[in-house]
Amino acid sequence: MGRRSKYPEEFRQRAAQLVLDSRRSVREVAGELGINHETLRNWVAAERRQRADGSAALSADERMELARLRRKVAELELEREILKKAAVFFARETGR
């Protein structure tokens, strides 16, 4: 698991948007904000990915929740299939 950022999410987004919207270099904006240019470059790349995904993009928390729910659905579907097979088996046994 990665290290938690010391910068708030809103700050990271606004810094990345500043680079993308102002057409200034990453180094220039990073210098003005007093942050490492590679850090800002990562934030800009993440913002570009999010913009490419569009407004329907999920946040990190939403993606985690979606993955958890998908695992739960798969588990429940497996249990349902097992119960169906058990019902057929017991129906045959009681029919004898």
PDB file of N, CA and C in Angstrom:
ATOM      1  N   MET A   1       0.848  -1.175   0.000  1.00  0.00           N
ATOM      2  CA  MET A   1       0.000   0.000   0.000  1.00  0.00           C
ATOM      3  C   MET A   1       0.891   1.233   0.000  1.00  0.00           C
ATOM      4  N   GLY A   2       0.522   2.246  -0.788  1.00  0.00           N
ATOM      5  CA  GLY A   2       1.327   3.453  -0.915  1.00  0.00           C
ATOM      6  C   GLY A   2       1.252   4.345   0.315  1.00  0.00           C
ATOM      7  N   ARG A   3       2.215   5.257   0.364  1.00  0.00           N
ATOM      8  CA  ARG A   3       2.267   6.211   1.467  1.00  0.00           C
ATOM      9  C   ARG A   3       1.182   7.255   1.272  1.00  0.00           C
ATOM     10  N   ARG A   4       0.578   7.668   2.358  1.00  0.00           N
ATOM     11  CA  ARG A   4      -0.483   8.676   2.303  1.00  0.00           C
ATOM     12  C   ARG A   4       0.134  10.036   1.980  1.00  0.00           C
ATOM     13  N   SER A   5      -0.502  10.783   1.075  1.00  0.00           N
ATOM     14  CA  SER A   5       0.016  12.067   0.629  1.00  0.00           C
ATOM     15  C   SER A   5      -0.115  13.121   1.723  1.00  0.00           C
ATOM     16  N   LYS A   6       0.893  13.995   1.790  1.00  0.00           N
ATOM     17  CA  LYS A   6       0.808  15.089   2.762  1.00  0.00           C
ATOM     18  C   LYS A   6       0.034  16.277   2.207  1.00  0.00           C
ATOM     19  N   TYR A   7      -0.354  16.186   0.921  1.00  0.00           N
ATOM     20  CA  TYR A   7      -1.122  17.247   0.282  1.00  0.00           C
ATOM     21  C   TYR A   7      -2.583  16.839   0.179  1.00  0.00           C
ATOM     22  N   PRO A   8      -3.498  17.754   0.490  1.00  0.00           N
ATOM     23  CA  PRO A   8      -4.931  17.427   0.362  1.00  0.00           C
ATOM     24  C   PRO A   8      -5.303  17.153  -1.099  1.00  0.00           C
ATOM     25  N   GLU A   9      -6.314  16.346  -1.288  1.00  0.00           N
ATOM     26  CA  GLU A   9      -6.768  15.968  -2.630  1.00  0.00           C
ATOM     27  C   GLU A   9      -7.132  17.194  -3.459  1.00  0.00           C
ATOM     28  N   GLU A  10      -7.823  18.144  -2.858  1.00  0.00           N
ATOM     29  CA  GLU A  10      -8.234  19.339  -3.597  1.00  0.00           C
ATOM     30  C   GLU A  10      -7.022  20.125  -4.099  1.00  0.00           C
ATOM     31  N   PHE A  11      -5.982  20.214  -3.270  1.00  0.00           N
ATOM     32  CA  PHE A  11      -4.760  20.910  -3.680  1.00  0.00           C
ATOM     33  C   PHE A  11      -4.122  20.213  -4.873  1.00  0.00           C
ATOM     34  N   ARG A  12      -4.057  18.887  -4.825  1.00  0.00           N
ATOM     35  CA  ARG A  12      -3.456  18.117  -5.920  1.00  0.00           C
ATOM     36  C   ARG A  12      -4.236  18.329  -7.222  1.00  0.00           C
ATOM     37  N   GLN A  13      -5.555  18.284  -7.123  1.00  0.00           N
ATOM     38  CA  GLN A  13      -6.375  18.472  -8.326  1.00  0.00           C
ATOM     39  C   GLN A  13      -6.215  19.869  -8.908  1.00  0.00           C
ATOM     40  N   ARG A  14      -6.231  20.869  -8.034  1.00  0.00           N
ATOM     41  CA  ARG A  14      -6.110  22.255  -8.525  1.00  0.00           C
ATOM     42  C   ARG A  14      -4.731  22.520  -9.122  1.00  0.00           C
ATOM     43  N   ALA A  15      -3.689  21.954  -8.526  1.00  0.00           N
ATOM     44  CA  ALA A  15      -2.345  22.127  -9.071  1.00  0.00           C
ATOM     45  C   ALA A  15      -2.254  21.495 -10.453  1.00  0.00           C
ATOM     46  N   ALA A  16      -2.810  20.309 -10.608  1.00  0.00           N
ATOM     47  CA  ALA A  16      -2.796  19.635 -11.912  1.00  0.00           C
ATOM     48  C   ALA A  16      -3.625  20.414 -12.924  1.00  0.00           C
ATOM     49  N   GLN A  17      -4.763  20.927 -12.502  1.00  0.00           N
ATOM     50  CA  GLN A  17      -5.607  21.708 -13.408  1.00  0.00           C
ATOM     51  C   GLN A  17      -4.908  22.996 -13.831  1.00  0.00           C
ATOM     52  N   LEU A  18      -4.135  23.569 -12.923  1.00  0.00           N
ATOM     53  CA  LEU A  18      -3.393  24.789 -13.244  1.00  0.00           C
ATOM     54  C   LEU A  18      -2.416  24.522 -14.388  1.00  0.00           C
ATOM     55  N   VAL A  19      -1.736  23.398 -14.347  1.00  0.00           N
ATOM     56  CA  VAL A  19      -0.799  23.053 -15.418  1.00  0.00           C
ATOM     57  C   VAL A  19      -1.556  22.823 -16.720  1.00  0.00           C
ATOM     58  N   LEU A  20      -2.624  22.057 -16.661  1.00  0.00           N
ATOM     59  CA  LEU A  20      -3.352  21.695 -17.872  1.00  0.00           C
ATOM     60  C   LEU A  20      -4.083  22.878 -18.489  1.00  0.00           C
ATOM     61  N   ASP A  21      -4.654  23.734 -17.661  1.00  0.00           N
ATOM     62  CA  ASP A  21      -5.471  24.829 -18.172  1.00  0.00           C
ATOM     63  C   ASP A  21      -4.658  26.070 -18.546  1.00  0.00           C
ATOM     64  N   SER A  22      -3.511  26.263 -17.921  1.00  0.00           N
ATOM     65  CA  SER A  22      -2.740  27.483 -18.177  1.00  0.00           C
ATOM     66  C   SER A  22      -1.666  27.276 -19.245  1.00  0.00           C
ATOM     67  N   ARG A  23      -1.420  26.027 -19.614  1.00  0.00           N
ATOM     68  CA  ARG A  23      -0.401  25.684 -20.612  1.00  0.00           C
ATOM     69  C   ARG A  23       0.998  26.106 -20.167  1.00  0.00           C
ATOM     70  N   ARG A  24       1.190  26.201 -18.856  1.00  0.00           N
ATOM     71  CA  ARG A  24       2.521  26.475 -18.314  1.00  0.00           C
ATOM     72  C   ARG A  24       3.196  25.153 -18.031  1.00  0.00           C
ATOM     73  N   SER A  25       4.512  25.182 -17.919  1.00  0.00           N
ATOM     74  CA  SER A  25       5.246  23.935 -17.722  1.00  0.00           C
ATOM     75  C   SER A  25       5.041  23.409 -16.295  1.00  0.00           C
ATOM     76  N   VAL A  26       5.228  22.113 -16.164  1.00  0.00           N
ATOM     77  CA  VAL A  26       5.104  21.470 -14.855  1.00  0.00           C
ATOM     78  C   VAL A  26       6.145  22.041 -13.904  1.00  0.00           C
ATOM     79  N   ARG A  27       7.367  22.207 -14.382  1.00  0.00           N
ATOM     80  CA  ARG A  27       8.448  22.756 -13.537  1.00  0.00           C
ATOM     81  C   ARG A  27       8.118  24.173 -13.044  1.00  0.00           C
ATOM     82  N   GLU A  28       7.569  24.979 -13.916  1.00  0.00           N
ATOM     83  CA  GLU A  28       7.236  26.363 -13.552  1.00  0.00           C
ATOM     84  C   GLU A  28       6.173  26.394 -12.452  1.00  0.00           C
ATOM     85  N   VAL A  29       5.107  25.650 -12.643  1.00  0.00           N
ATOM     86  CA  VAL A  29       4.018  25.627 -11.655  1.00  0.00           C
ATOM     87  C   VAL A  29       4.505  24.996 -10.351  1.00  0.00           C
ATOM     88  N   ALA A  30       5.275  23.925 -10.453  1.00  0.00           N
ATOM     89  CA  ALA A  30       5.792  23.273  -9.246  1.00  0.00           C
ATOM     90  C   ALA A  30       6.681  24.228  -8.453  1.00  0.00           C
ATOM     91  N   GLY A  31       7.488  24.997  -9.141  1.00  0.00           N
ATOM     92  CA  GLY A  31       8.342  25.978  -8.466  1.00  0.00           C
ATOM     93  C   GLY A  31       7.526  27.031  -7.734  1.00  0.00           C
ATOM     94  N   GLU A  32       6.461  27.503  -8.374  1.00  0.00           N
ATOM     95  CA  GLU A  32       5.600  28.510  -7.748  1.00  0.00           C
ATOM     96  C   GLU A  32       4.882  27.950  -6.527  1.00  0.00           C
ATOM     97  N   LEU A  33       4.498  26.675  -6.590  1.00  0.00           N
ATOM     98  CA  LEU A  33       3.756  26.066  -5.486  1.00  0.00           C
ATOM     99  C   LEU A  33       4.679  25.479  -4.415  1.00  0.00           C
ATOM    100  N   GLY A  34       5.957  25.373  -4.726  1.00  0.00           N
ATOM    101  CA  GLY A  34       6.910  24.847  -3.758  1.00  0.00           C
ATOM    102  C   GLY A  34       6.816  23.332  -3.571  1.00  0.00           C
ATOM    103  N   ILE A  35       6.540  22.646  -4.667  1.00  0.00           N
ATOM    104  CA  ILE A  35       6.469  21.187  -4.611  1.00  0.00           C
ATOM    105  C   ILE A  35       7.416  20.599  -5.649  1.00  0.00           C
ATOM    106  N   ASN A  36       7.719  19.333  -5.513  1.00  0.00           N
ATOM    107  CA  ASN A  36       8.593  18.636  -6.442  1.00  0.00           C
ATOM    108  C   ASN A  36       7.912  18.525  -7.799  1.00  0.00           C
ATOM    109  N   HIS A  37       8.678  18.787  -8.869  1.00  0.00           N
ATOM    110  CA  HIS A  37       8.073  18.756 -10.209  1.00  0.00           C
ATOM    111  C   HIS A  37       7.635  17.352 -10.608  1.00  0.00           C
ATOM    112  N   GLU A  38       8.319  16.314 -10.138  1.00  0.00           N
ATOM    113  CA  GLU A  38       7.903  14.943 -10.462  1.00  0.00           C
ATOM    114  C   GLU A  38       6.589  14.589  -9.771  1.00  0.00           C
ATOM    115  N   THR A  39       6.415  15.089  -8.571  1.00  0.00           N
ATOM    116  CA  THR A  39       5.153  14.881  -7.860  1.00  0.00           C
ATOM    117  C   THR A  39       4.014  15.518  -8.641  1.00  0.00           C
ATOM    118  N   LEU A  40       4.235  16.752  -9.059  1.00  0.00           N
ATOM    119  CA  LEU A  40       3.207  17.452  -9.839  1.00  0.00           C
ATOM    120  C   LEU A  40       2.969  16.747 -11.174  1.00  0.00           C
ATOM    121  N   ARG A  41       4.029  16.231 -11.783  1.00  0.00           N
ATOM    122  CA  ARG A  41       3.879  15.516 -13.056  1.00  0.00           C
ATOM    123  C   ARG A  41       2.957  14.301 -12.880  1.00  0.00           C
ATOM    124  N   ASN A  42       3.095  13.591 -11.756  1.00  0.00           N
ATOM    125  CA  ASN A  42       2.207  12.449 -11.461  1.00  0.00           C
ATOM    126  C   ASN A  42       0.756  12.904 -11.297  1.00  0.00           C
ATOM    127  N   TRP A  43       0.574  14.032 -10.619  1.00  0.00           N
ATOM    128  CA  TRP A  43      -0.781  14.549 -10.424  1.00  0.00           C
ATOM    129  C   TRP A  43      -1.402  14.954 -11.755  1.00  0.00           C
ATOM    130  N   VAL A  44      -0.602  15.548 -12.638  1.00  0.00           N
ATOM    131  CA  VAL A  44      -1.092  15.961 -13.952  1.00  0.00           C
ATOM    132  C   VAL A  44      -1.489  14.732 -14.767  1.00  0.00           C
ATOM    133  N   ALA A  45      -0.676  13.685 -14.708  1.00  0.00           N
ATOM    134  CA  ALA A  45      -1.002  12.455 -15.435  1.00  0.00           C
ATOM    135  C   ALA A  45      -2.306  11.859 -14.927  1.00  0.00           C
ATOM    136  N   ALA A  46      -2.502  11.866 -13.610  1.00  0.00           N
ATOM    137  CA  ALA A  46      -3.745  11.345 -13.028  1.00  0.00           C
ATOM    138  C   ALA A  46      -4.938  12.190 -13.467  1.00  0.00           C
ATOM    139  N   GLU A  47      -4.764  13.494 -13.501  1.00  0.00           N
ATOM    140  CA  GLU A  47      -5.844  14.392 -13.931  1.00  0.00           C
ATOM    141  C   GLU A  47      -6.178  14.169 -15.404  1.00  0.00           C
ATOM    142  N   ARG A  48      -5.166  13.944 -16.226  1.00  0.00           N
ATOM    143  CA  ARG A  48      -5.413  13.656 -17.647  1.00  0.00           C
ATOM    144  C   ARG A  48      -6.208  12.363 -17.809  1.00  0.00           C
ATOM    145  N   ARG A  49      -5.831  11.348 -17.036  1.00  0.00           N
ATOM    146  CA  ARG A  49      -6.570  10.074 -17.096  1.00  0.00           C
ATOM    147  C   ARG A  49      -8.014  10.281 -16.678  1.00  0.00           C
ATOM    148  N   GLN A  50      -8.217  11.063 -15.628  1.00  0.00           N
ATOM    149  CA  GLN A  50      -9.570  11.297 -15.143  1.00  0.00           C
ATOM    150  C   GLN A  50     -10.384  12.074 -16.177  1.00  0.00           C
ATOM    151  N   ARG A  51      -9.770  13.038 -16.824  1.00  0.00           N
ATOM    152  CA  ARG A  51     -10.475  13.805 -17.857  1.00  0.00           C
ATOM    153  C   ARG A  51     -10.810  12.915 -19.046  1.00  0.00           C
ATOM    154  N   ALA A  52      -9.914  11.998 -19.367  1.00  0.00           N
ATOM    155  CA  ALA A  52     -10.157  11.091 -20.498  1.00  0.00           C
ATOM    156  C   ALA A  52     -11.318  10.153 -20.193  1.00  0.00           C
ATOM    157  N   ASP A  53     -11.444   9.766 -18.924  1.00  0.00           N
ATOM    158  CA  ASP A  53     -12.543   8.885 -18.522  1.00  0.00           C
ATOM    159  C   ASP A  53     -13.876   9.610 -18.551  1.00  0.00           C
ATOM    160  N   GLY A  54     -13.846  10.912 -18.451  1.00  0.00           N
ATOM    161  CA  GLY A  54     -15.077  11.706 -18.480  1.00  0.00           C
ATOM    162  C   GLY A  54     -15.672  11.885 -17.101  1.00  0.00           C
ATOM    163  N   SER A  55     -16.839  12.465 -17.082  1.00  0.00           N
ATOM    164  CA  SER A  55     -17.483  12.783 -15.808  1.00  0.00           C
ATOM    165  C   SER A  55     -18.025  11.537 -15.118  1.00  0.00           C
ATOM    166  N   ALA A  56     -18.110  10.434 -15.844  1.00  0.00           N
ATOM    167  CA  ALA A  56     -18.629   9.200 -15.254  1.00  0.00           C
ATOM    168  C   ALA A  56     -17.541   8.431 -14.508  1.00  0.00           C
ATOM    169  N   ALA A  57     -16.346   8.978 -14.428  1.00  0.00           N
ATOM    170  CA  ALA A  57     -15.241   8.290 -13.753  1.00  0.00           C
ATOM    171  C   ALA A  57     -15.534   8.142 -12.263  1.00  0.00           C
ATOM    172  N   LEU A  58     -15.078   7.034 -11.711  1.00  0.00           N
ATOM    173  CA  LEU A  58     -15.286   6.756 -10.290  1.00  0.00           C
ATOM    174  C   LEU A  58     -14.095   7.220  -9.478  1.00  0.00           C
ATOM    175  N   SER A  59     -14.360   7.633  -8.255  1.00  0.00           N
ATOM    176  CA  SER A  59     -13.270   7.988  -7.358  1.00  0.00           C
ATOM    177  C   SER A  59     -12.606   6.699  -6.865  1.00  0.00           C
ATOM    178  N   ALA A  60     -11.487   6.844  -6.198  1.00  0.00           N
ATOM    179  CA  ALA A  60     -10.767   5.670  -5.688  1.00  0.00           C
ATOM    180  C   ALA A  60     -11.633   4.903  -4.687  1.00  0.00           C
ATOM    181  N   ASP A  61     -12.339   5.619  -3.820  1.00  0.00           N
ATOM    182  CA  ASP A  61     -13.216   4.960  -2.849  1.00  0.00           C
ATOM    183  C   ASP A  61     -14.349   4.216  -3.549  1.00  0.00           C
ATOM    184  N   GLU A  62     -14.898   4.826  -4.580  1.00  0.00           N
ATOM    185  CA  GLU A  62     -15.982   4.183  -5.317  1.00  0.00           C
ATOM    186  C   GLU A  62     -15.486   2.930  -6.047  1.00  0.00           C
ATOM    187  N   ARG A  63     -14.242   2.997  -6.593  1.00  0.00           N
ATOM    188  CA  ARG A  63     -13.682   1.819  -7.251  1.00  0.00           C
ATOM    189  C   ARG A  63     -13.476   0.676  -6.264  1.00  0.00           C
ATOM    190  N   MET A  64     -13.003   1.006  -5.059  1.00  0.00           N
ATOM    191  CA  MET A  64     -12.800  -0.023  -4.030  1.00  0.00           C
ATOM    192  C   MET A  64     -14.130  -0.650  -3.638  1.00  0.00           C
ATOM    193  N   GLU A  65     -15.140   0.177  -3.463  1.00  0.00           N
ATOM    194  CA  GLU A  65     -16.472  -0.318  -3.107  1.00  0.00           C
ATOM    195  C   GLU A  65     -17.040  -1.183  -4.228  1.00  0.00           C
ATOM    196  N   LEU A  66     -16.848  -0.766  -5.466  1.00  0.00           N
ATOM    197  CA  LEU A  66     -17.320  -1.540  -6.612  1.00  0.00           C
ATOM    198  C   LEU A  66     -16.634  -2.905  -6.665  1.00  0.00           C
ATOM    199  N   ALA A  67     -15.339  -2.940  -6.426  1.00  0.00           N
ATOM    200  CA  ALA A  67     -14.609  -4.215  -6.427  1.00  0.00           C
ATOM    201  C   ALA A  67     -15.116  -5.122  -5.303  1.00  0.00           C
ATOM    202  N   ARG A  68     -15.356  -4.536  -4.121  1.00  0.00           N
ATOM    203  CA  ARG A  68     -15.867  -5.318  -2.999  1.00  0.00           C
ATOM    204  C   ARG A  68     -17.242  -5.896  -3.329  1.00  0.00           C
ATOM    205  N   LEU A  69     -18.090  -5.086  -3.918  1.00  0.00           N
ATOM    206  CA  LEU A  69     -19.436  -5.543  -4.257  1.00  0.00           C
ATOM    207  C   LEU A  69     -19.412  -6.609  -5.355  1.00  0.00           C
ATOM    208  N   ARG A  70     -18.506  -6.464  -6.306  1.00  0.00           N
ATOM    209  CA  ARG A  70     -18.392  -7.491  -7.352  1.00  0.00           C
ATOM    210  C   ARG A  70     -17.952  -8.824  -6.774  1.00  0.00           C
ATOM    211  N   ARG A  71     -17.003  -8.788  -5.817  1.00  0.00           N
ATOM    212  CA  ARG A  71     -16.584 -10.037  -5.154  1.00  0.00           C
ATOM    213  C   ARG A  71     -17.751 -10.663  -4.404  1.00  0.00           C
ATOM    214  N   LYS A  72     -18.542  -9.833  -3.734  1.00  0.00           N
ATOM    215  CA  LYS A  72     -19.695 -10.320  -2.975  1.00  0.00           C
ATOM    216  C   LYS A  72     -20.732 -10.940  -3.913  1.00  0.00           C
ATOM    217  N   VAL A  73     -20.989 -10.303  -5.049  1.00  0.00           N
ATOM    218  CA  VAL A  73     -21.943 -10.840  -6.020  1.00  0.00           C
ATOM    219  C   VAL A  73     -21.467 -12.197  -6.528  1.00  0.00           C
ATOM    220  N   ALA A  74     -20.182 -12.312  -6.848  1.00  0.00           N
ATOM    221  CA  ALA A  74     -19.644 -13.588  -7.330  1.00  0.00           C
ATOM    222  C   ALA A  74     -19.803 -14.675  -6.266  1.00  0.00           C
ATOM    223  N   GLU A  75     -19.542 -14.316  -5.019  1.00  0.00           N
ATOM    224  CA  GLU A  75     -19.694 -15.269  -3.911  1.00  0.00           C
ATOM    225  C   GLU A  75     -21.157 -15.717  -3.778  1.00  0.00           C
ATOM    226  N   LEU A  76     -22.073 -14.774  -3.841  1.00  0.00           N
ATOM    227  CA  LEU A  76     -23.491 -15.098  -3.707  1.00  0.00           C
ATOM    228  C   LEU A  76     -23.995 -15.931  -4.886  1.00  0.00           C
ATOM    229  N   GLU A  77     -23.504 -15.639  -6.091  1.00  0.00           N
ATOM    230  CA  GLU A  77     -23.903 -16.443  -7.251  1.00  0.00           C
ATOM    231  C   GLU A  77     -23.412 -17.882  -7.116  1.00  0.00           C
ATOM    232  N   LEU A  78     -22.203 -18.056  -6.608  1.00  0.00           N
ATOM    233  CA  LEU A  78     -21.674 -19.401  -6.383  1.00  0.00           C
ATOM    234  C   LEU A  78     -22.522 -20.141  -5.350  1.00  0.00           C
ATOM    235  N   GLU A  79     -22.861 -19.465  -4.267  1.00  0.00           N
ATOM    236  CA  GLU A  79     -23.698 -20.086  -3.238  1.00  0.00           C
ATOM    237  C   GLU A  79     -25.066 -20.469  -3.810  1.00  0.00           C
ATOM    238  N   ARG A  80     -25.634 -19.619  -4.652  1.00  0.00           N
ATOM    239  CA  ARG A  80     -26.927 -19.907  -5.262  1.00  0.00           C
ATOM    240  C   ARG A  80     -26.847 -21.154  -6.144  1.00  0.00           C
ATOM    241  N   GLU A  81     -25.786 -21.270  -6.920  1.00  0.00           N
ATOM    242  CA  GLU A  81     -25.614 -22.445  -7.779  1.00  0.00           C
ATOM    243  C   GLU A  81     -25.485 -23.722  -6.947  1.00  0.00           C
ATOM    244  N   ILE A  82     -24.757 -23.637  -5.853  1.00  0.00           N
ATOM    245  CA  ILE A  82     -24.613 -24.797  -4.963  1.00  0.00           C
ATOM    246  C   ILE A  82     -25.969 -25.185  -4.386  1.00  0.00           C
ATOM    247  N   LEU A  83     -26.741 -24.194  -3.963  1.00  0.00           N
ATOM    248  CA  LEU A  83     -28.064 -24.479  -3.400  1.00  0.00           C
ATOM    249  C   LEU A  83     -29.008 -25.070  -4.443  1.00  0.00           C
ATOM    250  N   LYS A  84     -28.922 -24.606  -5.689  1.00  0.00           N
ATOM    251  CA  LYS A  84     -29.747 -25.177  -6.751  1.00  0.00           C
ATOM    252  C   LYS A  84     -29.431 -26.660  -6.943  1.00  0.00           C
ATOM    253  N   LYS A  85     -28.137 -26.978  -6.984  1.00  0.00           N
ATOM    254  CA  LYS A  85     -27.726 -28.365  -7.174  1.00  0.00           C
ATOM    255  C   LYS A  85     -28.150 -29.223  -5.988  1.00  0.00           C
ATOM    256  N   ALA A  86     -28.047 -28.668  -4.792  1.00  0.00           N
ATOM    257  CA  ALA A  86     -28.466 -29.411  -3.603  1.00  0.00           C
ATOM    258  C   ALA A  86     -29.972 -29.656  -3.633  1.00  0.00           C
ATOM    259  N   ALA A  87     -30.742 -28.673  -4.067  1.00  0.00           N
ATOM    260  CA  ALA A  87     -32.198 -28.832  -4.145  1.00  0.00           C
ATOM    261  C   ALA A  87     -32.564 -29.928  -5.138  1.00  0.00           C
ATOM    262  N   VAL A  88     -31.893 -29.966  -6.282  1.00  0.00           N
ATOM    263  CA  VAL A  88     -32.153 -31.013  -7.267  1.00  0.00           C
ATOM    264  C   VAL A  88     -31.794 -32.371  -6.682  1.00  0.00           C
ATOM    265  N   PHE A  89     -30.642 -32.458  -6.020  1.00  0.00           N
ATOM    266  CA  PHE A  89     -30.218 -33.723  -5.432  1.00  0.00           C
ATOM    267  C   PHE A  89     -31.218 -34.225  -4.407  1.00  0.00           C
ATOM    268  N   PHE A  90     -31.639 -33.345  -3.488  1.00  0.00           N
ATOM    269  CA  PHE A  90     -32.564 -33.770  -2.451  1.00  0.00           C
ATOM    270  C   PHE A  90     -33.971 -34.065  -3.009  1.00  0.00           C
ATOM    271  N   ALA A  91     -34.354 -33.370  -4.069  1.00  0.00           N
ATOM    272  CA  ALA A  91     -35.648 -33.657  -4.707  1.00  0.00           C
ATOM    273  C   ALA A  91     -35.641 -35.050  -5.289  1.00  0.00           C
ATOM    274  N   ARG A  92     -34.521 -35.457  -5.892  1.00  0.00           N
ATOM    275  CA  ARG A  92     -34.415 -36.800  -6.444  1.00  0.00           C
ATOM    276  C   ARG A  92     -34.423 -37.854  -5.330  1.00  0.00           C
ATOM    277  N   GLU A  93     -33.746 -37.545  -4.243  1.00  0.00           N
ATOM    278  CA  GLU A  93     -33.660 -38.486  -3.116  1.00  0.00           C
ATOM    279  C   GLU A  93     -35.019 -38.705  -2.474  1.00  0.00           C
ATOM    280  N   THR A  94     -35.790 -37.652  -2.316  1.00  0.00           N
ATOM    281  CA  THR A  94     -37.097 -37.788  -1.667  1.00  0.00           C
ATOM    282  C   THR A  94     -38.120 -38.388  -2.621  1.00  0.00           C
ATOM    283  N   GLY A  95     -37.860 -38.308  -3.925  1.00  0.00           N
ATOM    284  CA  GLY A  95     -38.777 -38.858  -4.901  1.00  0.00           C
ATOM    285  C   GLY A  95     -38.661 -40.377  -5.045  1.00  0.00           C
ATOM    286  N   ARG A  96     -37.652 -40.975  -4.497  1.00  0.00           N
ATOM    287  CA  ARG A  96     -37.452 -42.414  -4.627  1.00  0.00           C
ATOM    288  C   ARG A  96     -38.361 -43.207  -3.721  1.00  0.00           C
TER     289      ARG A  96
END
